[in-house]
Structure formats: C-alpha cells, structure tokens
C-alpha cells in the first residue's frame, strides 16, 4: 500500500520538531511519508506559524496536531483515509 502523505511545518533547530519526527517514525514507520517544510523558507509559513511549531497537517491542509504528536488523531485520519480508499473503485 502507498504510504499516507503528511506535511510537517517545522524549524531547523527545534527540539519539539525533532521529537515529533522520532515519534512519527516510532508509531507509524513506513505507513506514512512526511514532507518537511521549514517555516523560515517561506514568508507566508513564517507569518502563519511563527514559533508555533511543529504543526502536522494532511496534504490538503487539515491540521492533525501541533507541538506534540497526537497519535490518536493521526490514527483516526489514517483509518478514515483507508476506509475511503477501500470504497473507491
């Protein structure tokens, strides 16, 4: 199965961001693929998130969690994604 794609808005030297990376790997491994976006690389992201990182979203922008990994929220999203994939022809 293709890994679910998520987006993480983060900063280079952010311990919470590194903690979320480790937790994502630990809990979800190859089931997800995370695109990491450095909020300092884009003025719009810097304005939107500032120091309020990390933020984990779906590709469509739905926020799943902020600051710490919410394992239950990501699992819930994955289950809904898997259910809709099973219904698609």
Protein backbone atom coordinates (compact mmCIF):
# COMPACT_ATOMS: atom_id res chain seq x y z
CA UNK A 1 0.00 0.00 0.00
CA UNK A 2 1.17 3.53 -0.76
CA UNK A 3 2.18 5.47 2.35
CA UNK A 4 -0.14 8.23 3.51
CA UNK A 5 1.32 11.66 2.84
CA UNK A 6 1.52 14.27 5.59
CA UNK A 7 3.16 17.69 5.87
CA UNK A 8 5.12 18.90 8.88
CA UNK A 9 5.83 22.62 9.30
CA UNK A 10 8.98 22.91 11.39
CA UNK A 11 12.21 24.78 12.07
CA UNK A 12 15.82 23.65 11.72
CA UNK A 13 16.87 23.81 15.39
CA UNK A 14 13.59 22.88 17.04
CA UNK A 15 13.70 20.14 19.66
CA UNK A 16 9.91 19.68 19.57
CA UNK A 17 10.16 19.20 15.79
CA UNK A 18 12.83 16.53 16.20
CA UNK A 19 10.74 14.86 18.92
CA UNK A 20 7.75 14.75 16.57
CA UNK A 21 9.93 13.24 13.81
CA UNK A 22 11.07 10.49 16.17
CA UNK A 23 7.53 9.83 17.38
CA UNK A 24 6.19 9.65 13.81
CA UNK A 25 8.87 7.12 12.89
CA UNK A 26 8.26 5.12 16.06
CA UNK A 27 4.46 4.96 15.77
CA UNK A 28 3.88 4.90 12.02
CA UNK A 29 7.12 3.93 10.28
CA UNK A 30 6.61 3.22 6.58
CA UNK A 31 2.83 3.71 6.77
CA UNK A 32 3.33 7.45 6.27
CA UNK A 33 5.51 9.77 4.24
CA UNK A 34 6.20 13.20 5.73
CA UNK A 35 7.11 16.25 3.68
CA UNK A 36 9.00 18.57 5.99
CA UNK A 37 8.62 22.29 5.34
CA UNK A 38 10.93 24.80 7.00
CA UNK A 39 8.72 27.71 8.05
CA UNK A 40 11.68 30.06 7.69
CA UNK A 41 11.90 29.25 3.96
CA UNK A 42 8.58 30.92 3.13
CA UNK A 43 7.31 34.26 4.50
CA UNK A 44 3.70 33.01 4.36
CA UNK A 45 4.55 29.99 6.55
CA UNK A 46 6.59 32.15 8.91
CA UNK A 47 3.63 34.51 9.32
CA UNK A 48 1.14 31.65 9.73
CA UNK A 49 3.10 29.51 12.20
CA UNK A 50 5.82 31.75 13.65
CA UNK A 51 7.35 29.93 16.60
CA UNK A 52 4.22 27.78 16.94
CA UNK A 53 5.81 24.62 15.51
CA UNK A 54 5.83 21.76 14.75
CA UNK A 55 2.48 21.51 13.00
CA UNK A 56 1.42 18.29 11.27
CA UNK A 57 -1.18 18.55 8.50
CA UNK A 58 -2.64 16.47 5.73
CA UNK A 59 -1.69 17.36 2.17
CA UNK A 60 -4.97 19.26 1.89
CA UNK A 61 -4.06 21.40 4.92
CA UNK A 62 -6.18 19.79 7.65
CA UNK A 63 -4.28 20.23 10.90
CA UNK A 64 -3.81 16.98 12.81
CA UNK A 65 -1.66 18.21 15.69
CA UNK A 66 0.62 20.97 16.93
CA UNK A 67 3.68 20.91 19.22
CA UNK A 68 3.40 17.18 20.02
CA UNK A 69 2.35 14.18 18.01
CA UNK A 70 -1.29 13.29 18.64
CA UNK A 71 -1.09 9.58 17.82
CA UNK A 72 -4.86 9.11 18.14
CA UNK A 73 -5.60 11.96 15.71
CA UNK A 74 -3.20 10.59 13.09
CA UNK A 75 -4.57 7.05 13.51
CA UNK A 76 -8.12 8.36 13.16
CA UNK A 77 -7.17 10.20 9.97
CA UNK A 78 -5.40 7.12 8.60
CA UNK A 79 -8.42 4.93 9.32
CA UNK A 80 -10.72 7.36 7.52
CA UNK A 81 -8.31 7.52 4.59
CA UNK A 82 -8.10 3.72 4.41
CA UNK A 83 -11.89 3.39 4.60
CA UNK A 84 -12.43 5.84 1.74
CA UNK A 85 -9.73 4.10 -0.33
CA UNK A 86 -11.48 0.77 0.16
CA UNK A 87 -14.74 2.26 -1.17
CA UNK A 88 -13.09 3.74 -4.27
CA UNK A 89 -13.10 1.58 -7.40
